[in-house]
Protein backbone atom coordinates (compact mmCIF):
# COMPACT_ATOMS: atom_id res chain seq x y z
CA LEU A 1 -1.23 -20.66 29.59
CA SER A 2 0.36 -20.66 33.04
CA GLU A 3 -0.94 -17.12 33.69
CA LEU A 4 -4.49 -18.19 32.88
CA GLN A 5 -4.09 -21.33 34.99
CA SER A 6 -3.13 -19.22 38.01
CA ILE A 7 -6.42 -17.28 38.01
CA LEU A 8 -8.67 -20.34 37.71
CA PRO A 9 -10.26 -21.83 40.84
CA PRO A 10 -8.52 -24.90 42.28
CA GLY A 11 -9.34 -28.11 40.46
CA TYR A 12 -9.90 -26.53 37.04
CA GLN A 13 -7.47 -27.32 34.26
CA LEU A 14 -6.89 -25.54 30.96
CA ARG A 15 -5.75 -27.53 27.99
CA ILE A 16 -5.07 -26.51 24.44
CA VAL A 17 -7.57 -28.13 22.13
CA ARG A 18 -6.32 -26.69 18.86
CA ASP A 19 -3.36 -24.44 18.16
CA GLU A 20 -3.58 -22.46 14.93
CA ALA A 21 -0.54 -20.28 15.68
CA GLN A 22 1.78 -22.11 13.29
CA PHE A 23 -0.72 -21.86 10.44
CA ILE A 24 -1.30 -18.15 11.07
CA GLU A 25 2.43 -17.41 11.31
CA ALA A 26 3.06 -19.31 8.06
CA SER A 27 0.21 -17.46 6.35
CA ILE A 28 1.49 -14.05 7.46
CA ALA A 29 5.02 -14.96 6.33
CA SER A 30 3.64 -16.03 2.96
CA VAL A 31 1.76 -12.77 2.53
CA GLN A 32 4.86 -10.80 3.50
CA GLU A 33 6.85 -12.72 0.92
CA HIS A 34 4.22 -11.97 -1.73
CA LEU A 35 4.38 -8.29 -0.79
CA VAL A 36 8.13 -8.18 -1.41
CA VAL A 37 8.03 -10.30 -4.56
CA GLY A 38 5.13 -8.23 -5.92
CA SER A 39 7.11 -5.05 -5.33
CA PHE A 40 10.13 -6.40 -7.22
CA LEU A 41 7.99 -7.65 -10.08
CA ALA A 42 6.24 -4.28 -10.34
CA ALA A 43 9.63 -2.56 -10.50
CA ILE A 44 10.82 -4.96 -13.21
CA VAL A 45 7.72 -4.28 -15.30
CA VAL A 46 8.29 -0.54 -14.93
CA TRP A 47 11.90 -0.99 -16.03
CA LEU A 48 10.84 -3.02 -19.07
CA PHE A 49 8.40 -0.34 -20.21
CA LEU A 50 10.27 2.83 -19.25
CA GLY A 51 13.70 1.51 -20.21
CA SER A 52 15.41 3.76 -17.69
CA PHE A 53 16.99 2.49 -14.51
CA ARG A 54 16.75 5.91 -12.85
CA SER A 55 13.03 6.21 -13.62
CA THR A 56 12.47 2.69 -12.38
CA VAL A 57 14.15 3.46 -9.06
CA ILE A 58 12.10 6.64 -8.65
CA ALA A 59 8.85 4.80 -9.35
CA ALA A 60 9.83 1.80 -7.22
CA ILE A 61 10.57 4.00 -4.19
CA ALA A 62 6.87 4.92 -4.19
CA ILE A 63 6.01 1.35 -3.14
CA PRO A 64 7.83 1.10 0.21
CA THR A 65 7.18 4.76 0.97
CA SER A 66 3.44 4.31 0.55
CA ILE A 67 3.35 0.97 2.38
CA VAL A 68 5.38 2.21 5.36
CA ALA A 69 3.21 5.32 5.67
CA THR A 70 0.14 3.08 5.50
CA PHE A 71 1.50 1.12 8.48
CA GLY A 72 1.35 4.37 10.45
CA LEU A 73 -2.30 4.84 9.56
CA ILE A 74 -3.04 1.20 10.39
CA TRP A 75 -1.47 1.71 13.82
CA TYR A 76 -3.38 4.97 14.34
CA MET A 77 -6.71 3.26 13.58
CA GLY A 78 -5.89 0.43 15.99
CA PHE A 79 -5.88 -2.28 13.31
CA THR A 80 -3.70 -5.34 13.68
CA LEU A 81 -1.50 -6.94 11.05
CA ASN A 82 -3.89 -9.75 10.25
CA MET A 83 -4.58 -11.58 7.02
CA LEU A 84 -6.96 -8.90 5.72
CA THR A 85 -4.68 -5.93 6.31
CA MET A 86 -1.74 -7.83 4.83
CA LEU A 87 -3.90 -8.82 1.84
CA ALA A 88 -4.85 -5.17 1.36
CA LEU A 89 -1.20 -4.13 1.46
CA THR A 90 -0.25 -6.83 -1.03
CA LEU A 91 -3.04 -5.88 -3.42
CA SER A 92 -2.21 -2.21 -3.13
CA VAL A 93 1.36 -2.67 -4.43
CA GLY A 94 0.25 -2.32 -8.04
CA ILE A 95 -2.02 0.59 -7.25
CA VAL A 96 0.49 2.63 -5.25
CA ILE A 97 3.07 2.53 -8.02
CA ASP A 98 0.49 3.54 -10.62
CA ASP A 99 0.22 7.21 -9.61
CA ALA A 100 3.99 7.54 -9.45
CA ILE A 101 4.37 6.05 -12.94
CA VAL A 102 1.83 8.43 -14.46
CA VAL A 103 3.45 11.50 -12.91
CA LEU A 104 6.97 10.28 -13.67
CA GLU A 105 6.16 9.53 -17.30
CA ASN A 106 4.69 12.99 -17.80
CA ILE A 107 7.76 14.63 -16.22
CA TYR A 108 10.01 12.52 -18.46
CA ARG A 109 7.96 13.62 -21.48
CA PHE A 110 8.32 17.31 -20.55
CA ILE A 111 12.10 16.91 -20.22
CA GLU A 112 12.55 14.93 -23.45
CA GLU A 113 9.99 16.51 -25.79
CA LYS A 114 9.86 20.08 -24.53
CA GLY A 115 13.48 20.34 -23.45
CA MET A 116 12.60 21.78 -20.05
CA PRO A 117 15.02 21.70 -17.15
CA PRO A 118 14.10 18.98 -14.61
CA MET A 119 12.83 21.34 -11.90
CA GLN A 120 10.48 23.21 -14.21
CA ALA A 121 9.39 19.98 -15.91
CA ALA A 122 8.54 18.41 -12.55
CA VAL A 123 6.36 21.34 -11.52
CA GLU A 124 4.55 21.81 -14.83
CA ALA A 125 4.14 18.12 -15.65
CA THR A 126 2.71 17.37 -12.21
CA ARG A 127 0.37 20.34 -12.51
CA GLU A 128 -0.79 19.19 -15.95
CA ILE A 129 -1.51 15.60 -14.96
CA GLY A 130 -2.61 16.35 -11.38
CA LEU A 131 -6.35 16.45 -11.97
CA ALA A 132 -6.36 13.13 -13.84
CA VAL A 133 -4.30 11.42 -11.14
CA LEU A 134 -6.52 12.91 -8.44
CA ALA A 135 -9.68 11.70 -10.21
CA THR A 136 -8.27 8.19 -10.64
CA THR A 137 -7.17 7.99 -7.03
CA LEU A 138 -10.44 9.29 -5.63
CA SER A 139 -12.43 6.86 -7.75
CA LEU A 140 -10.40 3.97 -6.30
CA VAL A 141 -10.88 5.32 -2.78
CA ALA A 142 -14.62 5.57 -3.47
CA ILE A 143 -14.60 1.84 -4.20
CA PHE A 144 -12.77 0.73 -1.05
CA VAL A 145 -14.07 3.12 1.64
CA PRO A 146 -17.63 1.70 1.57
CA ILE A 147 -16.15 -1.75 2.20
CA GLY A 148 -14.67 -0.33 5.41
CA PHE A 149 -18.11 0.79 6.59
CA MET A 150 -20.12 -2.35 5.87
CA SER A 151 -22.45 -3.38 8.66
CA GLY A 152 -22.91 -6.66 10.43
CA MET A 153 -20.43 -9.42 11.07
CA VAL A 154 -18.95 -9.15 7.58
CA GLY A 155 -18.38 -5.44 8.16
CA ARG A 156 -16.34 -6.15 11.26
CA PHE A 157 -14.01 -8.35 9.26
CA MET A 158 -13.83 -6.15 6.17
CA LYS A 159 -13.30 -2.80 7.92
CA SER A 160 -9.54 -3.21 8.17
CA PHE A 161 -9.31 -4.38 4.54
CA GLY A 162 -11.31 -1.52 3.02
CA LEU A 163 -9.72 1.23 5.07
CA THR A 164 -6.19 -0.13 4.63
CA MET A 165 -6.67 -0.13 0.85
CA ALA A 166 -8.05 3.42 0.99
CA PHE A 167 -5.14 4.56 3.19
CA ALA A 168 -2.56 3.06 0.84
CA ILE A 169 -4.18 4.67 -2.20
CA MET A 170 -4.39 8.11 -0.57
CA VAL A 171 -0.78 7.89 0.60
CA SER A 172 0.27 6.99 -2.95
CA LEU A 173 -1.41 10.18 -4.16
CA VAL A 174 0.59 12.25 -1.69
CA VAL A 175 3.80 10.43 -2.67
CA SER A 176 3.16 10.93 -6.38
CA PHE A 177 2.55 14.67 -5.92
CA THR A 178 5.51 15.28 -3.60
CA LEU A 179 8.28 12.67 -3.57
CA THR A 180 8.13 11.59 -7.21
CA PRO A 181 8.44 15.10 -8.69
CA MET A 182 11.14 16.00 -6.19
CA MET A 183 13.23 12.96 -7.11
CA SER A 184 12.67 13.53 -10.82
């Protein structure tokens, strides 16, 4: 405020009419909390269904890996961490773990049912399920990318949401084809 006051002509005064900073900071903190809680809940659900702590950790690592990589793409595109980008990241938690679960479950099946060594099972299981995971991921991207290119005033607001979702989904594909098989 003092910097702005110094460039005004003499006699003009600036005063704060309404300060929404506390509300915005509280909202961002709430969304961050939901992001963390959602990640833990997703990992717990995976543990309940897979029944293996090791598999749960492998699948759960896909969440922060995908989210952190998405931050890099958000920065590259010049987006800010506003309510829409944070909402997109929170919503994408369930989606980013999905690809890893599908690939991981197929690798686990190859090891258990076919008796393959882990390295061979990781390669062949990922190859077998790769087209289905790719099709699922691209169909989700096809839903969110058009939101990022909407026109008008709504398009300006929704660009960061649509593209952030698409980034997170594409990063999860890369993670599920590289990191998940390697850790398995």
